[in-house]
Amino acid sequence: LDNISFAVLFLTMLCYWVGVAFPNLSILPKIGTTGMIIANF
């Protein structure tokens, strides 16, 4: 679980950052939010 948490948060960070760089990719921030929920659980 600690490895999964790290991997999910790393991918989540990338989704948020790329989502800001490319605002037209509106799905990325939504994936980021989902990643935060998964990491929290």
All heavy atoms as atom14 arrays in JSON, in Angstrom:
{
  "sequence": "LDNISFAVLFLTMLCYWVGVAFPNLSILPKIGTTGMIIANF",
  "atom14_mask": [
    [1, 1, 1, 1, 1, 1, 1, 1, 0, 0, 0, 0, 0, 0],
    [1, 1, 1, 1, 1, 1, 1, 1, 0, 0, 0, 0, 0, 0],
    [1, 1, 1, 1, 1, 1, 1, 1, 0, 0, 0, 0, 0, 0],
    [1, 1, 1, 1, 1, 1, 1, 1, 0, 0, 0, 0, 0, 0],
    [1, 1, 1, 1, 1, 1, 0, 0, 0, 0, 0, 0, 0, 0],
    [1, 1, 1, 1, 1, 1, 1, 1, 1, 1, 1, 0, 0, 0],
    [1, 1, 1, 1, 1, 0, 0, 0, 0, 0, 0, 0, 0, 0],
    [1, 1, 1, 1, 1, 1, 1, 0, 0, 0, 0, 0, 0, 0],
    [1, 1, 1, 1, 1, 1, 1, 1, 0, 0, 0, 0, 0, 0],
    [1, 1, 1, 1, 1, 1, 1, 1, 1, 1, 1, 0, 0, 0],
    [1, 1, 1, 1, 1, 1, 1, 1, 0, 0, 0, 0, 0, 0],
    [1, 1, 1, 1, 1, 1, 1, 0, 0, 0, 0, 0, 0, 0],
    [1, 1, 1, 1, 1, 1, 1, 1, 0, 0, 0, 0, 0, 0],
    [1, 1, 1, 1, 1, 1, 1, 1, 0, 0, 0, 0, 0, 0],
    [1, 1, 1, 1, 1, 1, 0, 0, 0, 0, 0, 0, 0, 0],
    [1, 1, 1, 1, 1, 1, 1, 1, 1, 1, 1, 1, 0, 0],
    [1, 1, 1, 1, 1, 1, 1, 1, 1, 1, 1, 1, 1, 1],
    [1, 1, 1, 1, 1, 1, 1, 0, 0, 0, 0, 0, 0, 0],
    [1, 1, 1, 1, 0, 0, 0, 0, 0, 0, 0, 0, 0, 0],
    [1, 1, 1, 1, 1, 1, 1, 0, 0, 0, 0, 0, 0, 0],
    [1, 1, 1, 1, 1, 0, 0, 0, 0, 0, 0, 0, 0, 0],
    [1, 1, 1, 1, 1, 1, 1, 1, 1, 1, 1, 0, 0, 0],
    [1, 1, 1, 1, 1, 1, 1, 0, 0, 0, 0, 0, 0, 0],
    [1, 1, 1, 1, 1, 1, 1, 1, 0, 0, 0, 0, 0, 0],
    [1, 1, 1, 1, 1, 1, 1, 1, 0, 0, 0, 0, 0, 0],
    [1, 1, 1, 1, 1, 1, 0, 0, 0, 0, 0, 0, 0, 0],
    [1, 1, 1, 1, 1, 1, 1, 1, 0, 0, 0, 0, 0, 0],
    [1, 1, 1, 1, 1, 1, 1, 1, 0, 0, 0, 0, 0, 0],
    [1, 1, 1, 1, 1, 1, 1, 0, 0, 0, 0, 0, 0, 0],
    [1, 1, 1, 1, 1, 1, 1, 1, 1, 0, 0, 0, 0, 0],
    [1, 1, 1, 1, 1, 1, 1, 1, 0, 0, 0, 0, 0, 0],
    [1, 1, 1, 1, 0, 0, 0, 0, 0, 0, 0, 0, 0, 0],
    [1, 1, 1, 1, 1, 1, 1, 0, 0, 0, 0, 0, 0, 0],
    [1, 1, 1, 1, 1, 1, 1, 0, 0, 0, 0, 0, 0, 0],
    [1, 1, 1, 1, 0, 0, 0, 0, 0, 0, 0, 0, 0, 0],
    [1, 1, 1, 1, 1, 1, 1, 1, 0, 0, 0, 0, 0, 0],
    [1, 1, 1, 1, 1, 1, 1, 1, 0, 0, 0, 0, 0, 0],
    [1, 1, 1, 1, 1, 1, 1, 1, 0, 0, 0, 0, 0, 0],
    [1, 1, 1, 1, 1, 0, 0, 0, 0, 0, 0, 0, 0, 0],
    [1, 1, 1, 1, 1, 1, 1, 1, 0, 0, 0, 0, 0, 0],
    [1, 1, 1, 1, 1, 1, 1, 1, 1, 1, 1, 0, 0, 0]
  ],
  "atom14_positions": [
    [[0.81, -1.21, 0.0], [0.0, 0.0, 0.0], [0.85, 1.27, 0.0], [0.48, 2.26, -0.63], [-0.94, 0.0, 1.21], [-2.11, -0.98, 1.13], [-2.85, -1.04, 2.46], [-3.07, -0.59, 0.02], [0.0, 0.0, 0.0], [0.0, 0.0, 0.0], [0.0, 0.0, 0.0], [0.0, 0.0, 0.0], [0.0, 0.0, 0.0], [0.0, 0.0, 0.0]],
    [[1.99, 1.26, 0.71], [2.79, 2.48, 0.69], [3.4, 2.72, -0.69], [3.52, 3.85, -1.15], [3.85, 2.49, 1.8], [4.91, 1.42, 1.67], [4.98, 0.76, 0.63], [5.67, 1.23, 2.64], [0.0, 0.0, 0.0], [0.0, 0.0, 0.0], [0.0, 0.0, 0.0], [0.0, 0.0, 0.0], [0.0, 0.0, 0.0], [0.0, 0.0, 0.0]],
    [[3.76, 1.63, -1.4], [4.25, 1.77, -2.76], [3.15, 2.22, -3.72], [3.38, 3.04, -4.62], [4.88, 0.47, -3.25], [6.19, 0.15, -2.55], [6.99, 1.05, -2.3], [6.41, -1.12, -2.21], [0.0, 0.0, 0.0], [0.0, 0.0, 0.0], [0.0, 0.0, 0.0], [0.0, 0.0, 0.0], [0.0, 0.0, 0.0], [0.0, 0.0, 0.0]],
    [[1.95, 1.66, -3.53], [0.82, 2.07, -4.36], [0.52, 3.55, -4.14], [0.26, 4.3, -5.1], [-0.41, 1.2, -4.06], [-0.21, -0.22, -4.58], [-1.68, 1.82, -4.66], [-1.33, -1.17, -4.22], [0.0, 0.0, 0.0], [0.0, 0.0, 0.0], [0.0, 0.0, 0.0], [0.0, 0.0, 0.0], [0.0, 0.0, 0.0], [0.0, 0.0, 0.0]],
    [[0.54, 3.98, -2.88], [0.25, 5.38, -2.56], [1.24, 6.3, -3.26], [0.85, 7.33, -3.84], [0.32, 5.6, -1.06], [-0.61, 4.78, -0.38], [0.0, 0.0, 0.0], [0.0, 0.0, 0.0], [0.0, 0.0, 0.0], [0.0, 0.0, 0.0], [0.0, 0.0, 0.0], [0.0, 0.0, 0.0], [0.0, 0.0, 0.0], [0.0, 0.0, 0.0]],
    [[2.51, 5.94, -3.21], [3.53, 6.76, -3.87], [3.3, 6.81, -5.38], [3.32, 7.89, -5.99], [4.92, 6.21, -3.58], [6.0, 6.77, -4.48], [6.4, 8.1, -4.35], [6.58, 5.97, -5.44], [7.38, 8.61, -5.2], [7.56, 6.47, -6.28], [7.96, 7.8, -6.16], [0.0, 0.0, 0.0], [0.0, 0.0, 0.0], [0.0, 0.0, 0.0]],
    [[3.04, 5.65, -5.99], [2.85, 5.6, -7.45], [1.62, 6.41, -7.87], [1.66, 7.17, -8.85], [2.73, 4.16, -7.91], [0.0, 0.0, 0.0], [0.0, 0.0, 0.0], [0.0, 0.0, 0.0], [0.0, 0.0, 0.0], [0.0, 0.0, 0.0], [0.0, 0.0, 0.0], [0.0, 0.0, 0.0], [0.0, 0.0, 0.0], [0.0, 0.0, 0.0]],
    [[0.52, 6.24, -7.12], [-0.71, 6.95, -7.47], [-0.53, 8.46, -7.32], [-0.96, 9.24, -8.19], [-1.88, 6.45, -6.59], [-3.1, 7.36, -6.74], [-2.24, 5.02, -6.95], [0.0, 0.0, 0.0], [0.0, 0.0, 0.0], [0.0, 0.0, 0.0], [0.0, 0.0, 0.0], [0.0, 0.0, 0.0], [0.0, 0.0, 0.0], [0.0, 0.0, 0.0]],
    [[0.12, 8.89, -6.25], [0.33, 10.33, -6.04], [1.28, 10.91, -7.09], [1.13, 12.06, -7.5], [0.85, 10.58, -4.63], [-0.2, 10.42, -3.52], [0.45, 10.48, -2.15], [-1.28, 11.49, -3.64], [0.0, 0.0, 0.0], [0.0, 0.0, 0.0], [0.0, 0.0, 0.0], [0.0, 0.0, 0.0], [0.0, 0.0, 0.0], [0.0, 0.0, 0.0]],
    [[2.26, 10.11, -7.52], [3.16, 10.58, -8.57], [2.39, 10.8, -9.87], [2.54, 11.84, -10.53], [4.29, 9.58, -8.77], [5.26, 9.97, -9.86], [6.19, 10.97, -9.64], [5.22, 9.33, -11.09], [7.08, 11.34, -10.64], [6.11, 9.7, -12.09], [7.04, 10.7, -11.87], [0.0, 0.0, 0.0], [0.0, 0.0, 0.0], [0.0, 0.0, 0.0]],
    [[1.56, 9.83, -10.26], [0.75, 9.98, -11.46], [-0.27, 11.11, -11.31], [-0.56, 11.83, -12.28], [0.04, 8.66, -11.77], [0.95, 7.47, -12.14], [0.14, 6.2, -12.3], [1.73, 7.77, -13.42], [0.0, 0.0, 0.0], [0.0, 0.0, 0.0], [0.0, 0.0, 0.0], [0.0, 0.0, 0.0], [0.0, 0.0, 0.0], [0.0, 0.0, 0.0]],
    [[-0.8, 11.24, -10.1], [-1.75, 12.33, -9.84], [-1.1, 13.69, -10.05], [-1.67, 14.6, -10.65], [-2.28, 12.22, -8.4], [-3.01, 10.99, -8.26], [-3.2, 13.39, -8.06], [0.0, 0.0, 0.0], [0.0, 0.0, 0.0], [0.0, 0.0, 0.0], [0.0, 0.0, 0.0], [0.0, 0.0, 0.0], [0.0, 0.0, 0.0], [0.0, 0.0, 0.0]],
    [[0.12, 13.84, -9.53], [0.86, 15.08, -9.71], [1.05, 15.39, -11.19], [0.84, 16.52, -11.65], [2.21, 15.0, -9.0], [3.07, 16.23, -9.15], [4.74, 15.99, -8.48], [5.41, 14.83, -9.7], [0.0, 0.0, 0.0], [0.0, 0.0, 0.0], [0.0, 0.0, 0.0], [0.0, 0.0, 0.0], [0.0, 0.0, 0.0], [0.0, 0.0, 0.0]],
    [[1.43, 14.38, -11.97], [1.62, 14.58, -13.41], [0.33, 15.01, -14.09], [0.33, 15.89, -14.96], [2.16, 13.3, -14.05], [3.57, 12.86, -13.65], [3.95, 11.57, -14.38], [4.6, 13.95, -13.94], [0.0, 0.0, 0.0], [0.0, 0.0, 0.0], [0.0, 0.0, 0.0], [0.0, 0.0, 0.0], [0.0, 0.0, 0.0], [0.0, 0.0, 0.0]],
    [[-0.78, 14.4, -13.68], [-2.08, 14.76, -14.28], [-2.43, 16.21, -13.99], [-2.88, 16.94, -14.89], [-3.17, 13.84, -13.75], [-3.1, 12.15, -14.38], [0.0, 0.0, 0.0], [0.0, 0.0, 0.0], [0.0, 0.0, 0.0], [0.0, 0.0, 0.0], [0.0, 0.0, 0.0], [0.0, 0.0, 0.0], [0.0, 0.0, 0.0], [0.0, 0.0, 0.0]],
    [[-2.23, 16.65, -12.77], [-2.53, 18.04, -12.43], [-1.63, 19.0, -13.19], [-2.09, 20.03, -13.71], [-2.37, 18.26, -10.92], [-3.58, 17.85, -10.11], [-3.49, 16.88, -9.12], [-4.82, 18.46, -10.31], [-4.59, 16.5, -8.37], [-5.93, 18.08, -9.56], [-5.81, 17.11, -8.6], [-6.91, 16.75, -7.87], [0.0, 0.0, 0.0], [0.0, 0.0, 0.0]],
    [[-0.35, 18.7, -13.24], [0.59, 19.6, -13.9], [0.35, 19.67, -15.41], [0.33, 20.75, -16.0], [2.03, 19.15, -13.62], [2.49, 19.48, -12.23], [1.73, 19.97, -11.21], [3.82, 19.34, -11.7], [2.48, 20.13, -10.07], [3.77, 19.76, -10.35], [5.02, 18.89, -12.23], [4.89, 19.74, -9.53], [6.16, 18.88, -11.42], [6.09, 19.31, -10.08]],
    [[0.19, 18.51, -16.05], [-0.07, 18.5, -17.49], [-1.43, 19.14, -17.78], [-1.6, 19.84, -18.78], [-0.01, 17.06, -18.04], [-0.4, 17.04, -19.52], [1.38, 16.47, -17.86], [0.0, 0.0, 0.0], [0.0, 0.0, 0.0], [0.0, 0.0, 0.0], [0.0, 0.0, 0.0], [0.0, 0.0, 0.0], [0.0, 0.0, 0.0], [0.0, 0.0, 0.0]],
    [[-2.39, 18.94, -16.88], [-3.7, 19.55, -17.06], [-3.65, 21.06, -17.04], [-4.42, 21.74, -17.75], [0.0, 0.0, 0.0], [0.0, 0.0, 0.0], [0.0, 0.0, 0.0], [0.0, 0.0, 0.0], [0.0, 0.0, 0.0], [0.0, 0.0, 0.0], [0.0, 0.0, 0.0], [0.0, 0.0, 0.0], [0.0, 0.0, 0.0], [0.0, 0.0, 0.0]],
    [[-2.76, 21.63, -16.24], [-2.59, 23.08, -16.21], [-1.86, 23.56, -17.46], [-2.19, 24.61, -18.03], [-1.82, 23.51, -14.94], [-1.39, 24.97, -15.03], [-2.68, 23.3, -13.71], [0.0, 0.0, 0.0], [0.0, 0.0, 0.0], [0.0, 0.0, 0.0], [0.0, 0.0, 0.0], [0.0, 0.0, 0.0], [0.0, 0.0, 0.0], [0.0, 0.0, 0.0]],
    [[-0.87, 22.79, -17.9], [-0.11, 23.17, -19.09], [-0.96, 23.09, -20.35], [-0.78, 23.87, -21.29], [1.12, 22.28, -19.23], [0.0, 0.0, 0.0], [0.0, 0.0, 0.0], [0.0, 0.0, 0.0], [0.0, 0.0, 0.0], [0.0, 0.0, 0.0], [0.0, 0.0, 0.0], [0.0, 0.0, 0.0], [0.0, 0.0, 0.0], [0.0, 0.0, 0.0]],
    [[-1.9, 22.13, -20.37], [-2.78, 21.95, -21.54], [-4.23, 21.98, -21.07], [-4.85, 20.93, -20.85], [-2.47, 20.62, -22.25], [-1.04, 20.51, -22.73], [-0.09, 19.87, -21.95], [-0.66, 21.07, -23.95], [1.22, 19.77, -22.39], [0.64, 20.97, -24.4], [1.59, 20.33, -23.62], [0.0, 0.0, 0.0], [0.0, 0.0, 0.0], [0.0, 0.0, 0.0]],
    [[-4.79, 23.18, -20.9], [-6.15, 23.31, -20.34], [-7.22, 22.6, -21.16], [-8.28, 22.26, -20.61], [-6.38, 24.83, -20.35], [-5.01, 25.43, -20.43], [-4.18, 24.47, -21.2], [0.0, 0.0, 0.0], [0.0, 0.0, 0.0], [0.0, 0.0, 0.0], [0.0, 0.0, 0.0], [0.0, 0.0, 0.0], [0.0, 0.0, 0.0], [0.0, 0.0, 0.0]],
    [[-6.97, 22.38, -22.44], [-7.98, 21.72, -23.27], [-8.18, 20.26, -22.88], [-9.22, 19.67, -23.19], [-7.59, 21.81, -24.75], [-7.65, 23.24, -25.26], [-8.44, 24.05, -24.76], [-6.83, 23.56, -26.25], [0.0, 0.0, 0.0], [0.0, 0.0, 0.0], [0.0, 0.0, 0.0], [0.0, 0.0, 0.0], [0.0, 0.0, 0.0], [0.0, 0.0, 0.0]],
    [[-7.18, 19.67, -22.22], [-7.3, 18.28, -21.78], [-8.02, 18.25, -20.43], [-7.42, 18.0, -19.39], [-5.92, 17.62, -21.69], [-5.11, 17.58, -22.99], [-3.72, 17.01, -22.74], [-5.85, 16.73, -24.04], [0.0, 0.0, 0.0], [0.0, 0.0, 0.0], [0.0, 0.0, 0.0], [0.0, 0.0, 0.0], [0.0, 0.0, 0.0], [0.0, 0.0, 0.0]],
    [[-9.3, 18.51, -20.46], [-10.07, 18.67, -19.22], [-10.18, 17.39, -18.42], [-10.5, 17.43, -17.22], [-11.47, 19.2, -19.54], [-12.15, 18.3, -20.42], [0.0, 0.0, 0.0], [0.0, 0.0, 0.0], [0.0, 0.0, 0.0], [0.0, 0.0, 0.0], [0.0, 0.0, 0.0], [0.0, 0.0, 0.0], [0.0, 0.0, 0.0], [0.0, 0.0, 0.0]],
    [[-9.92, 16.25, -19.06], [-10.05, 14.98, -18.35], [-8.92, 14.77, -17.35], [-9.09, 14.07, -16.35], [-10.1, 13.81, -19.34], [-10.53, 12.53, -18.61], [-8.74, 13.62, -20.03], [-10.76, 11.35, -19.55], [0.0, 0.0, 0.0], [0.0, 0.0, 0.0], [0.0, 0.0, 0.0], [0.0, 0.0, 0.0], [0.0, 0.0, 0.0], [0.0, 0.0, 0.0]],
    [[-7.76, 15.39, -17.57], [-6.61, 15.16, -16.7], [-6.84, 15.63, -15.26], [-6.53, 14.88, -14.32], [-5.36, 15.81, -17.29], [-4.8, 15.15, -18.55], [-3.58, 15.91, -19.06], [-4.43, 13.7, -18.27], [0.0, 0.0, 0.0], [0.0, 0.0, 0.0], [0.0, 0.0, 0.0], [0.0, 0.0, 0.0], [0.0, 0.0, 0.0], [0.0, 0.0, 0.0]],
    [[-7.37, 16.84, -15.04], [-7.65, 17.22, -13.65], [-8.65, 16.3, -12.97], [-8.55, 16.05, -11.76], [-8.21, 18.64, -13.79], [-7.64, 19.15, -15.07], [-7.6, 17.95, -15.97], [0.0, 0.0, 0.0], [0.0, 0.0, 0.0], [0.0, 0.0, 0.0], [0.0, 0.0, 0.0], [0.0, 0.0, 0.0], [0.0, 0.0, 0.0], [0.0, 0.0, 0.0]],
    [[-9.61, 15.77, -13.74], [-10.57, 14.83, -13.16], [-9.88, 13.54, -12.75], [-10.18, 12.96, -11.7], [-11.68, 14.54, -14.17], [-12.53, 15.76, -14.52], [-13.59, 15.42, -15.55], [-14.41, 16.65, -15.91], [-15.43, 16.35, -16.96], [0.0, 0.0, 0.0], [0.0, 0.0, 0.0], [0.0, 0.0, 0.0], [0.0, 0.0, 0.0], [0.0, 0.0, 0.0]],
    [[-8.92, 13.1, -13.57], [-8.14, 11.92, -13.21], [-7.31, 12.23, -11.96], [-7.15, 11.36, -11.08], [-7.22, 11.5, -14.37], [-8.06, 11.05, -15.57], [-6.27, 10.39, -13.94], [-7.25, 10.72, -16.8], [0.0, 0.0, 0.0], [0.0, 0.0, 0.0], [0.0, 0.0, 0.0], [0.0, 0.0, 0.0], [0.0, 0.0, 0.0], [0.0, 0.0, 0.0]],
    [[-6.79, 13.46, -11.87], [-6.03, 13.86, -10.69], [-6.86, 13.78, -9.42], [-6.41, 13.28, -8.39], [0.0, 0.0, 0.0], [0.0, 0.0, 0.0], [0.0, 0.0, 0.0], [0.0, 0.0, 0.0], [0.0, 0.0, 0.0], [0.0, 0.0, 0.0], [0.0, 0.0, 0.0], [0.0, 0.0, 0.0], [0.0, 0.0, 0.0], [0.0, 0.0, 0.0]],
    [[-8.1, 14.26, -9.5], [-8.99, 14.18, -8.34], [-9.26, 12.73, -7.95], [-9.24, 12.37, -6.77], [-10.32, 14.88, -8.65], [-10.07, 16.24, -9.0], [-11.25, 14.84, -7.45], [0.0, 0.0, 0.0], [0.0, 0.0, 0.0], [0.0, 0.0, 0.0], [0.0, 0.0, 0.0], [0.0, 0.0, 0.0], [0.0, 0.0, 0.0], [0.0, 0.0, 0.0]],
    [[-9.48, 11.89, -8.96], [-9.69, 10.46, -8.69], [-8.45, 9.86, -8.04], [-8.56, 9.04, -7.12], [-10.01, 9.72, -10.01], [-11.15, 10.32, -10.62], [-10.28, 8.25, -9.73], [0.0, 0.0, 0.0], [0.0, 0.0, 0.0], [0.0, 0.0, 0.0], [0.0, 0.0, 0.0], [0.0, 0.0, 0.0], [0.0, 0.0, 0.0], [0.0, 0.0, 0.0]],
    [[-7.28, 10.26, -8.51], [-6.04, 9.76, -7.92], [-5.9, 10.15, -6.45], [-5.44, 9.34, -5.63], [0.0, 0.0, 0.0], [0.0, 0.0, 0.0], [0.0, 0.0, 0.0], [0.0, 0.0, 0.0], [0.0, 0.0, 0.0], [0.0, 0.0, 0.0], [0.0, 0.0, 0.0], [0.0, 0.0, 0.0], [0.0, 0.0, 0.0], [0.0, 0.0, 0.0]],
    [[-6.29, 11.37, -6.12], [-6.25, 11.8, -4.73], [-7.18, 10.96, -3.86], [-6.85, 10.6, -2.73], [-6.63, 13.28, -4.61], [-5.5, 14.24, -4.91], [-4.26, 14.2, -3.59], [-3.23, 15.57, -4.07], [0.0, 0.0, 0.0], [0.0, 0.0, 0.0], [0.0, 0.0, 0.0], [0.0, 0.0, 0.0], [0.0, 0.0, 0.0], [0.0, 0.0, 0.0]],
    [[-8.36, 10.64, -4.39], [-9.31, 9.81, -3.65], [-8.73, 8.41, -3.44], [-8.8, 7.85, -2.33], [-10.65, 9.74, -4.39], [-11.31, 11.12, -4.45], [-11.58, 8.74, -3.72], [-12.54, 11.19, -5.31], [0.0, 0.0, 0.0], [0.0, 0.0, 0.0], [0.0, 0.0, 0.0], [0.0, 0.0, 0.0], [0.0, 0.0, 0.0], [0.0, 0.0, 0.0]],
    [[-8.14, 7.84, -4.49], [-7.55, 6.5, -4.38], [-6.42, 6.5, -3.37], [-6.31, 5.6, -2.52], [-7.05, 6.02, -5.75], [-8.23, 5.81, -6.71], [-6.23, 4.73, -5.61], [-7.82, 5.51, -8.14], [0.0, 0.0, 0.0], [0.0, 0.0, 0.0], [0.0, 0.0, 0.0], [0.0, 0.0, 0.0], [0.0, 0.0, 0.0], [0.0, 0.0, 0.0]],
    [[-5.55, 7.51, -3.44], [-4.43, 7.6, -2.49], [-4.93, 7.74, -1.07], [-4.38, 7.13, -0.14], [-3.52, 8.78, -2.86], [0.0, 0.0, 0.0], [0.0, 0.0, 0.0], [0.0, 0.0, 0.0], [0.0, 0.0, 0.0], [0.0, 0.0, 0.0], [0.0, 0.0, 0.0], [0.0, 0.0, 0.0], [0.0, 0.0, 0.0], [0.0, 0.0, 0.0]],
    [[-5.98, 8.53, -0.88], [-6.54, 8.71, 0.46], [-7.03, 7.39, 1.03], [-6.75, 7.06, 2.19], [-7.68, 9.74, 0.39], [-8.3, 10.03, 1.74], [-9.22, 9.35, 2.17], [-7.79, 11.04, 2.42], [0.0, 0.0, 0.0], [0.0, 0.0, 0.0], [0.0, 0.0, 0.0], [0.0, 0.0, 0.0], [0.0, 0.0, 0.0], [0.0, 0.0, 0.0]],
    [[-7.74, 6.6, 0.22], [-8.25, 5.3, 0.69], [-7.11, 4.3, 0.9], [-7.14, 3.5, 1.84], [-9.27, 4.75, -0.3], [-10.65, 5.3, -0.1], [-11.17, 6.25, -0.97], [-11.45, 4.87, 0.95], [-12.44, 6.78, -0.77], [-12.72, 5.38, 1.16], [-13.22, 6.34, 0.29], [0.0, 0.0, 0.0], [0.0, 0.0, 0.0], [0.0, 0.0, 0.0]]
  ]
}
